[in-house]
């Protein structure tokens, strides 16, 4: 019984230490995660901007708006 109790206490202690280390490590990465998220959002916005400025998309959107206005008129 003593050995089992010792093993449980040791495992609990190791788990608490690891949990503390992981929480401390994750707290420092929050800024980096935001920076990567912002860079990804900017890259996606630039991609959408280039797609929206293309002649094919511009023509398709103009067509859709023209049809919508002619139906409602």
N, C-alpha and C. Protein backbone atom coordinates (compact mmCIF):
# COMPACT_ATOMS: atom_id res chain seq x y z
N UNK A 1 0.82 -1.20 0.00
CA UNK A 1 0.00 0.00 0.00
C UNK A 1 0.86 1.26 0.00
N UNK A 2 1.95 1.22 0.74
CA UNK A 2 2.81 2.40 0.81
C UNK A 2 3.42 2.72 -0.55
N UNK A 3 3.82 1.68 -1.26
CA UNK A 3 4.45 1.89 -2.56
C UNK A 3 3.44 2.46 -3.55
N UNK A 4 2.22 1.95 -3.53
CA UNK A 4 1.18 2.46 -4.43
C UNK A 4 0.88 3.92 -4.13
N UNK A 5 0.80 4.26 -2.85
CA UNK A 5 0.54 5.65 -2.47
C UNK A 5 1.69 6.55 -2.90
N UNK A 6 2.91 6.06 -2.73
CA UNK A 6 4.09 6.82 -3.14
C UNK A 6 4.09 7.05 -4.65
N UNK A 7 3.75 6.01 -5.41
CA UNK A 7 3.71 6.14 -6.87
C UNK A 7 2.63 7.13 -7.29
N UNK A 8 1.45 7.06 -6.68
CA UNK A 8 0.38 8.00 -7.01
C UNK A 8 0.79 9.43 -6.71
N UNK A 9 1.41 9.64 -5.54
CA UNK A 9 1.85 10.99 -5.18
C UNK A 9 2.93 11.49 -6.13
N UNK A 10 3.83 10.61 -6.50
CA UNK A 10 4.91 11.00 -7.42
C UNK A 10 4.35 11.36 -8.79
N UNK A 11 3.42 10.55 -9.27
CA UNK A 11 2.82 10.85 -10.57
C UNK A 11 2.02 12.14 -10.53
N UNK A 12 1.32 12.38 -9.44
CA UNK A 12 0.56 13.62 -9.30
C UNK A 12 1.52 14.82 -9.29
N UNK A 13 2.65 14.68 -8.59
CA UNK A 13 3.63 15.76 -8.51
C UNK A 13 4.21 16.05 -9.90
N UNK A 14 4.58 14.99 -10.62
CA UNK A 14 5.13 15.17 -11.97
C UNK A 14 4.09 15.81 -12.88
N UNK A 15 2.85 15.35 -12.80
CA UNK A 15 1.78 15.93 -13.62
C UNK A 15 1.56 17.40 -13.32
N UNK A 16 1.59 17.76 -12.04
CA UNK A 16 1.43 19.17 -11.67
C UNK A 16 2.58 20.02 -12.20
N UNK A 17 3.79 19.49 -12.14
CA UNK A 17 4.95 20.24 -12.66
C UNK A 17 4.83 20.43 -14.17
N UNK A 18 4.48 19.38 -14.89
CA UNK A 18 4.33 19.49 -16.34
C UNK A 18 3.22 20.47 -16.71
N UNK A 19 2.11 20.38 -15.99
CA UNK A 19 1.00 21.29 -16.25
C UNK A 19 1.43 22.73 -16.05
N UNK A 20 2.17 22.99 -14.97
CA UNK A 20 2.66 24.34 -14.71
C UNK A 20 3.59 24.83 -15.80
N UNK A 21 4.49 23.95 -16.26
CA UNK A 21 5.40 24.34 -17.33
C UNK A 21 4.66 24.63 -18.63
N UNK A 22 3.70 23.80 -18.96
CA UNK A 22 2.95 24.00 -20.20
C UNK A 22 2.12 25.26 -20.16
N UNK A 23 1.51 25.56 -19.02
CA UNK A 23 0.72 26.78 -18.91
C UNK A 23 1.60 28.00 -19.01
N UNK A 24 2.77 27.98 -18.38
CA UNK A 24 3.68 29.11 -18.46
C UNK A 24 4.20 29.30 -19.88
N UNK A 25 4.46 28.20 -20.57
CA UNK A 25 4.96 28.28 -21.93
C UNK A 25 3.88 28.82 -22.88
N UNK A 26 2.65 28.38 -22.70
CA UNK A 26 1.56 28.82 -23.57
C UNK A 26 1.26 30.30 -23.38
N UNK A 27 1.44 30.81 -22.18
CA UNK A 27 1.14 32.21 -21.91
C UNK A 27 2.07 33.13 -22.69
N UNK A 28 3.29 32.71 -22.95
CA UNK A 28 4.24 33.54 -23.69
C UNK A 28 4.03 33.51 -25.19
N UNK A 29 3.28 32.55 -25.69
CA UNK A 29 3.10 32.42 -27.13
C UNK A 29 1.88 33.15 -27.65
N UNK A 30 1.12 33.76 -26.79
CA UNK A 30 -0.12 34.39 -27.23
C UNK A 30 0.17 35.50 -28.24
N UNK A 31 1.17 36.32 -27.98
CA UNK A 31 1.50 37.42 -28.90
C UNK A 31 1.92 36.89 -30.26
N UNK A 32 2.71 35.84 -30.28
CA UNK A 32 3.16 35.28 -31.54
C UNK A 32 1.98 34.69 -32.32
N UNK A 33 1.05 34.08 -31.63
CA UNK A 33 -0.12 33.52 -32.31
C UNK A 33 -0.97 34.62 -32.93
N UNK A 34 -1.12 35.74 -32.21
CA UNK A 34 -1.86 36.86 -32.78
C UNK A 34 -1.14 37.41 -34.01
N UNK A 35 0.17 37.51 -33.96
CA UNK A 35 0.93 38.03 -35.09
C UNK A 35 0.77 37.13 -36.31
N UNK A 36 0.83 35.83 -36.13
CA UNK A 36 0.65 34.90 -37.24
C UNK A 36 -0.77 34.99 -37.79
N UNK A 37 -1.74 35.13 -36.90
CA UNK A 37 -3.13 35.27 -37.33
C UNK A 37 -3.35 36.53 -38.14
N UNK A 38 -2.74 37.63 -37.72
CA UNK A 38 -2.87 38.89 -38.45
C UNK A 38 -2.21 38.77 -39.82
N UNK A 39 -1.03 38.16 -39.88
CA UNK A 39 -0.37 37.98 -41.17
C UNK A 39 -1.20 37.11 -42.11
N UNK A 40 -1.80 36.08 -41.58
CA UNK A 40 -2.65 35.22 -42.41
C UNK A 40 -3.88 35.98 -42.91
N UNK A 41 -4.47 36.81 -42.04
CA UNK A 41 -5.64 37.59 -42.45
C UNK A 41 -5.27 38.60 -43.53
N UNK A 42 -4.13 39.24 -43.39
CA UNK A 42 -3.69 40.21 -44.41
C UNK A 42 -3.41 39.50 -45.74
N UNK A 43 -2.77 38.34 -45.68
CA UNK A 43 -2.51 37.59 -46.91
C UNK A 43 -3.81 37.18 -47.59
N UNK A 44 -4.79 36.75 -46.79
CA UNK A 44 -6.09 36.36 -47.35
C UNK A 44 -6.80 37.57 -47.95
N UNK A 45 -6.71 38.72 -47.28
CA UNK A 45 -7.33 39.94 -47.81
C UNK A 45 -6.69 40.34 -49.14
N UNK A 46 -5.38 40.23 -49.23
CA UNK A 46 -4.70 40.55 -50.50
C UNK A 46 -5.10 39.58 -51.61
N UNK A 47 -5.26 38.33 -51.26
CA UNK A 47 -5.71 37.34 -52.25
C UNK A 47 -7.11 37.68 -52.74
N UNK A 48 -8.02 37.99 -51.82
CA UNK A 48 -9.37 38.36 -52.22
C UNK A 48 -9.39 39.63 -53.05
N UNK A 49 -8.55 40.58 -52.69
CA UNK A 49 -8.48 41.83 -53.45
C UNK A 49 -8.02 41.57 -54.88
N UNK A 50 -7.02 40.72 -55.04
CA UNK A 50 -6.54 40.42 -56.40
C UNK A 50 -7.59 39.66 -57.20
N UNK A 51 -8.33 38.77 -56.54
CA UNK A 51 -9.40 38.05 -57.24
C UNK A 51 -10.51 39.00 -57.64
N UNK A 52 -10.91 39.88 -56.73
CA UNK A 52 -12.01 40.80 -57.02
C UNK A 52 -11.65 41.81 -58.10
N UNK A 53 -10.38 42.11 -58.26
CA UNK A 53 -9.97 43.07 -59.28
C UNK A 53 -9.77 42.43 -60.65
N UNK A 54 -9.85 41.12 -60.73
CA UNK A 54 -9.65 40.46 -62.02
C UNK A 54 -10.84 40.75 -62.93
N UNK A 55 -10.57 40.73 -64.23
CA UNK A 55 -11.61 41.06 -65.21
C UNK A 55 -12.75 40.05 -65.20
N UNK A 56 -12.44 38.79 -64.99
CA UNK A 56 -13.48 37.75 -65.01
C UNK A 56 -14.47 37.96 -63.86
N UNK A 57 -13.95 38.19 -62.68
CA UNK A 57 -14.83 38.39 -61.52
C UNK A 57 -15.58 39.71 -61.65
N UNK A 58 -14.90 40.73 -62.09
CA UNK A 58 -15.56 42.03 -62.26
C UNK A 58 -16.72 41.92 -63.26
N UNK A 59 -16.49 41.20 -64.37
CA UNK A 59 -17.54 41.01 -65.36
C UNK A 59 -18.70 40.20 -64.80
N UNK A 60 -18.40 39.15 -64.03
CA UNK A 60 -19.46 38.32 -63.45
C UNK A 60 -20.28 39.13 -62.46
N UNK A 61 -19.63 39.93 -61.63
CA UNK A 61 -20.37 40.75 -60.66
C UNK A 61 -21.22 41.81 -61.36
N UNK A 62 -20.68 42.41 -62.40
CA UNK A 62 -21.45 43.39 -63.16
C UNK A 62 -22.67 42.75 -63.79
N UNK A 63 -22.50 41.55 -64.31
CA UNK A 63 -23.60 40.79 -64.89
C UNK A 63 -24.69 40.50 -63.85
N UNK A 64 -24.28 40.06 -62.67
CA UNK A 64 -25.24 39.74 -61.60
C UNK A 64 -26.01 40.98 -61.19
N UNK A 65 -25.30 42.09 -61.01
CA UNK A 65 -25.97 43.33 -60.59
C UNK A 65 -26.91 43.82 -61.69
N UNK A 66 -26.49 43.73 -62.95
CA UNK A 66 -27.35 44.17 -64.06
C UNK A 66 -28.63 43.34 -64.13
N UNK A 67 -28.49 42.01 -63.97
CA UNK A 67 -29.68 41.15 -63.99
C UNK A 67 -30.59 41.44 -62.81
N UNK A 68 -30.00 41.69 -61.65
CA UNK A 68 -30.82 41.98 -60.47
C UNK A 68 -31.57 43.30 -60.63
N UNK A 69 -30.94 44.29 -61.23
CA UNK A 69 -31.60 45.58 -61.42
C UNK A 69 -32.67 45.49 -62.50
N UNK A 70 -32.45 44.68 -63.53
CA UNK A 70 -33.45 44.57 -64.60
C UNK A 70 -34.67 43.78 -64.13
N UNK A 71 -34.52 42.84 -63.22
CA UNK A 71 -35.64 42.07 -62.70
C UNK A 71 -36.49 42.95 -61.80
N UNK A 72 -35.86 43.77 -60.98
CA UNK A 72 -36.61 44.59 -60.03
C UNK A 72 -37.26 45.79 -60.70
N UNK A 73 -36.83 46.17 -61.90
CA UNK A 73 -37.37 47.37 -62.55
C UNK A 73 -38.65 47.11 -63.29
